[in-house]
Amino acid sequence: MAGFMDSVNKGLATLNVKTSNLMETSKIKTAITNKENEIASLKKLIGETVYLNRANFTMDMIKEQLDGIEEKVSAIEDLKKQMAALEENEKNILGGGAGGATAKVYCSQCGAPNEAGSKFCEKCGSKLAE
């Protein structure tokens, strides 16, 4: 019976971790798309500014937009790093990472890995199945 409960707990923990990561990944992808759309708008504004001021154009006229693009590109890079970290964390939690071979018990509430034999989750404090 204990083996069955361990399997159920691990399955629930896996489901919890994957669901949480899917939601976070979706939020990050949406944020990336929004930043890309903002960049496209800034590029359009730059083009309009250059065209309308073609006779006396200076780079100072588009400096604010260029700075905005650089900030958004940097933000996209940070978001992509967050997404990679989520993927790596999921691999580590679910056993697909380069972790050691120590036995883990996964919390059925938050999915956090705990040392085998632990009574309570180190992350959320929930009672772990025995």
C-alpha atoms as a PDB file:
ATOM      1  CA  MET A   1       0.000   0.000   0.000  1.00  0.00           C
ATOM      2  CA  ALA A   2       2.881   2.373   0.794  1.00  0.00           C
ATOM      3  CA  GLY A   3       4.305   1.879  -2.699  1.00  0.00           C
ATOM      4  CA  PHE A   4       0.960   2.764  -4.225  1.00  0.00           C
ATOM      5  CA  MET A   5       0.694   5.932  -2.124  1.00  0.00           C
ATOM      6  CA  ASP A   6       4.237   6.919  -3.058  1.00  0.00           C
ATOM      7  CA  SER A   7       3.314   6.516  -6.725  1.00  0.00           C
ATOM      8  CA  VAL A   8       0.178   8.598  -6.259  1.00  0.00           C
ATOM      9  CA  ASN A   9       2.094  11.303  -4.379  1.00  0.00           C
ATOM     10  CA  LYS A  10       4.812  11.409  -7.019  1.00  0.00           C
ATOM     11  CA  GLY A  11       2.167  11.585  -9.749  1.00  0.00           C
ATOM     12  CA  LEU A  12       0.414  14.454  -7.985  1.00  0.00           C
ATOM     13  CA  ALA A  13       3.698  16.263  -7.433  1.00  0.00           C
ATOM     14  CA  THR A  14       4.602  15.817 -11.112  1.00  0.00           C
ATOM     15  CA  LEU A  15       1.225  17.139 -12.180  1.00  0.00           C
ATOM     16  CA  ASN A  16       1.564  20.094  -9.811  1.00  0.00           C
ATOM     17  CA  VAL A  17       5.061  21.005 -11.027  1.00  0.00           C
ATOM     18  CA  LYS A  18       4.183  20.644 -14.714  1.00  0.00           C
ATOM     19  CA  THR A  19       0.966  22.659 -14.339  1.00  0.00           C
ATOM     20  CA  SER A  20       2.732  25.418 -12.448  1.00  0.00           C
ATOM     21  CA  ASN A  21       5.552  25.560 -15.007  1.00  0.00           C
ATOM     22  CA  LEU A  22       3.072  25.567 -17.899  1.00  0.00           C
ATOM     23  CA  MET A  23       1.249  28.539 -16.413  1.00  0.00           C
ATOM     24  CA  GLU A  24       4.476  30.454 -15.753  1.00  0.00           C
ATOM     25  CA  THR A  25       5.826  29.621 -19.219  1.00  0.00           C
ATOM     26  CA  SER A  26       2.579  30.864 -20.797  1.00  0.00           C
ATOM     27  CA  LYS A  27       2.842  34.135 -18.867  1.00  0.00           C
ATOM     28  CA  ILE A  28       6.444  34.576 -19.989  1.00  0.00           C
ATOM     29  CA  LYS A  29       5.599  33.820 -23.635  1.00  0.00           C
ATOM     30  CA  THR A  30       2.780  36.383 -23.495  1.00  0.00           C
ATOM     31  CA  ALA A  31       5.152  38.970 -22.014  1.00  0.00           C
ATOM     32  CA  ILE A  32       7.691  38.249 -24.782  1.00  0.00           C
ATOM     33  CA  THR A  33       5.026  38.672 -27.464  1.00  0.00           C
ATOM     34  CA  ASN A  34       3.917  41.968 -25.902  1.00  0.00           C
ATOM     35  CA  LYS A  35       7.512  43.247 -25.859  1.00  0.00           C
ATOM     36  CA  GLU A  36       7.966  42.201 -29.503  1.00  0.00           C
ATOM     37  CA  ASN A  37       4.786  44.096 -30.446  1.00  0.00           C
ATOM     38  CA  GLU A  38       6.030  47.164 -28.574  1.00  0.00           C
ATOM     39  CA  ILE A  39       9.322  46.934 -30.505  1.00  0.00           C
ATOM     40  CA  ALA A  40       7.413  46.750 -33.796  1.00  0.00           C
ATOM     41  CA  SER A  41       5.439  49.883 -32.821  1.00  0.00           C
ATOM     42  CA  LEU A  42       8.632  51.738 -31.947  1.00  0.00           C
ATOM     43  CA  LYS A  43      10.210  50.739 -35.267  1.00  0.00           C
ATOM     44  CA  LYS A  44       7.140  52.019 -37.103  1.00  0.00           C
ATOM     45  CA  LEU A  45       7.345  55.293 -35.193  1.00  0.00           C
ATOM     46  CA  ILE A  46      11.028  55.590 -36.084  1.00  0.00           C
ATOM     47  CA  GLY A  47      10.211  55.107 -39.762  1.00  0.00           C
ATOM     48  CA  GLU A  48       7.463  57.727 -39.663  1.00  0.00           C
ATOM     49  CA  THR A  49       9.726  60.185 -37.849  1.00  0.00           C
ATOM     50  CA  VAL A  50      12.545  59.694 -40.356  1.00  0.00           C
ATOM     51  CA  TYR A  51      10.182  60.077 -43.309  1.00  0.00           C
ATOM     52  CA  LEU A  52       8.392  63.156 -42.000  1.00  0.00           C
ATOM     53  CA  ASN A  53      11.681  64.838 -41.093  1.00  0.00           C
ATOM     54  CA  ARG A  54      13.711  63.627 -44.071  1.00  0.00           C
ATOM     55  CA  ALA A  55      14.835  67.122 -45.001  1.00  0.00           C
ATOM     56  CA  ASN A  56      16.317  67.934 -41.593  1.00  0.00           C
ATOM     57  CA  PHE A  57      16.517  64.568 -39.816  1.00  0.00           C
ATOM     58  CA  THR A  58      18.886  64.038 -36.887  1.00  0.00           C
ATOM     59  CA  MET A  59      19.439  60.933 -34.767  1.00  0.00           C
ATOM     60  CA  ASP A  60      18.333  62.871 -31.689  1.00  0.00           C
ATOM     61  CA  MET A  61      14.791  62.740 -33.084  1.00  0.00           C
ATOM     62  CA  ILE A  62      14.631  58.963 -32.584  1.00  0.00           C
ATOM     63  CA  LYS A  63      16.934  58.481 -29.601  1.00  0.00           C
ATOM     64  CA  GLU A  64      14.050  57.824 -27.196  1.00  0.00           C
ATOM     65  CA  GLN A  65      12.599  55.120 -29.466  1.00  0.00           C
ATOM     66  CA  LEU A  66      15.999  53.485 -29.987  1.00  0.00           C
ATOM     67  CA  ASP A  67      16.566  53.406 -26.216  1.00  0.00           C
ATOM     68  CA  GLY A  68      13.106  51.909 -25.781  1.00  0.00           C
ATOM     69  CA  ILE A  69      13.918  49.152 -28.267  1.00  0.00           C
ATOM     70  CA  GLU A  70      17.165  48.333 -26.447  1.00  0.00           C
ATOM     71  CA  GLU A  71      15.324  48.121 -23.122  1.00  0.00           C
ATOM     72  CA  LYS A  72      12.683  45.801 -24.585  1.00  0.00           C
ATOM     73  CA  VAL A  73      15.269  43.549 -26.247  1.00  0.00           C
ATOM     74  CA  SER A  74      17.059  43.276 -22.902  1.00  0.00           C
ATOM     75  CA  ALA A  75      13.763  42.479 -21.160  1.00  0.00           C
ATOM     76  CA  ILE A  76      13.064  39.726 -23.721  1.00  0.00           C
ATOM     77  CA  GLU A  77      16.485  38.197 -23.048  1.00  0.00           C
ATOM     78  CA  ASP A  78      15.737  38.207 -19.304  1.00  0.00           C
ATOM     79  CA  LEU A  79      12.342  36.581 -19.893  1.00  0.00           C
ATOM     80  CA  LYS A  80      13.951  33.860 -22.011  1.00  0.00           C
ATOM     81  CA  LYS A  81      16.443  33.200 -19.206  1.00  0.00           C
ATOM     82  CA  GLN A  82      13.532  32.887 -16.760  1.00  0.00           C
ATOM     83  CA  MET A  83      11.872  30.365 -19.057  1.00  0.00           C
ATOM     84  CA  ALA A  84      15.087  28.332 -19.318  1.00  0.00           C
ATOM     85  CA  ALA A  85      15.433  28.399 -15.525  1.00  0.00           C
ATOM     86  CA  LEU A  86      11.869  27.078 -15.166  1.00  0.00           C
ATOM     87  CA  GLU A  87      12.652  24.220 -17.535  1.00  0.00           C
ATOM     88  CA  GLU A  88      15.851  23.388 -15.651  1.00  0.00           C
ATOM     89  CA  ASN A  89      14.054  23.546 -12.311  1.00  0.00           C
ATOM     90  CA  GLU A  90      11.381  21.174 -13.598  1.00  0.00           C
ATOM     91  CA  LYS A  91      14.038  18.715 -14.751  1.00  0.00           C
ATOM     92  CA  ASN A  92      15.731  18.874 -11.359  1.00  0.00           C
ATOM     93  CA  ILE A  93      12.497  18.417  -9.425  1.00  0.00           C
ATOM     94  CA  LEU A  94      11.203  15.585 -11.578  1.00  0.00           C
ATOM     95  CA  GLY A  95      14.515  13.771 -11.792  1.00  0.00           C
ATOM     96  CA  GLY A  96      15.535  14.620 -15.346  1.00  0.00           C
ATOM     97  CA  GLY A  97      18.387  16.907 -14.310  1.00  0.00           C
ATOM     98  CA  ALA A  98      21.985  16.273 -13.366  1.00  0.00           C
ATOM     99  CA  GLY A  99      21.191  15.812  -9.682  1.00  0.00           C
ATOM    100  CA  GLY A 100      22.496  13.122  -7.376  1.00  0.00           C
ATOM    101  CA  ALA A 101      20.905   9.749  -6.796  1.00  0.00           C
ATOM    102  CA  THR A 102      19.549  10.503  -3.319  1.00  0.00           C
ATOM    103  CA  ALA A 103      15.978   9.347  -2.702  1.00  0.00           C
ATOM    104  CA  LYS A 104      13.414  12.137  -2.706  1.00  0.00           C
ATOM    105  CA  VAL A 105       9.842  12.375  -1.520  1.00  0.00           C
ATOM    106  CA  TYR A 106       7.712  14.913  -3.368  1.00  0.00           C
ATOM    107  CA  CYS A 107       5.151  17.049  -1.582  1.00  0.00           C
ATOM    108  CA  SER A 108       1.625  16.443  -2.857  1.00  0.00           C
ATOM    109  CA  GLN A 109       0.729  20.091  -2.100  1.00  0.00           C
ATOM    110  CA  CYS A 110       3.541  22.107  -3.687  1.00  0.00           C
ATOM    111  CA  GLY A 111       5.646  19.523  -5.535  1.00  0.00           C
ATOM    112  CA  ALA A 112       8.859  20.399  -3.704  1.00  0.00           C
ATOM    113  CA  PRO A 113      11.435  17.623  -3.345  1.00  0.00           C
ATOM    114  CA  ASN A 114      12.238  16.533   0.208  1.00  0.00           C
ATOM    115  CA  GLU A 115      14.703  14.050   1.636  1.00  0.00           C
ATOM    116  CA  ALA A 116      13.298  10.544   2.007  1.00  0.00           C
ATOM    117  CA  GLY A 117      12.085  10.018   5.560  1.00  0.00           C
ATOM    118  CA  SER A 118      11.064  13.654   6.060  1.00  0.00           C
ATOM    119  CA  LYS A 119       7.778  14.094   7.924  1.00  0.00           C
ATOM    120  CA  PHE A 120       6.961  17.606   6.652  1.00  0.00           C
ATOM    121  CA  CYS A 121       7.666  19.517   3.427  1.00  0.00           C
ATOM    122  CA  GLU A 122      10.685  21.814   3.670  1.00  0.00           C
ATOM    123  CA  LYS A 123       8.992  24.350   1.405  1.00  0.00           C
ATOM    124  CA  CYS A 124       5.339  24.567   2.483  1.00  0.00           C
ATOM    125  CA  GLY A 125       5.237  22.586   5.755  1.00  0.00           C
ATOM    126  CA  SER A 126       2.560  20.116   4.639  1.00  0.00           C
ATOM    127  CA  LYS A 127       2.653  16.633   6.145  1.00  0.00           C
ATOM    128  CA  LEU A 128       4.347  14.215   3.768  1.00  0.00           C
ATOM    129  CA  ALA A 129       2.993  10.765   3.051  1.00  0.00           C
ATOM    130  CA  GLU A 130       4.941   8.023   4.776  1.00  0.00           C
END
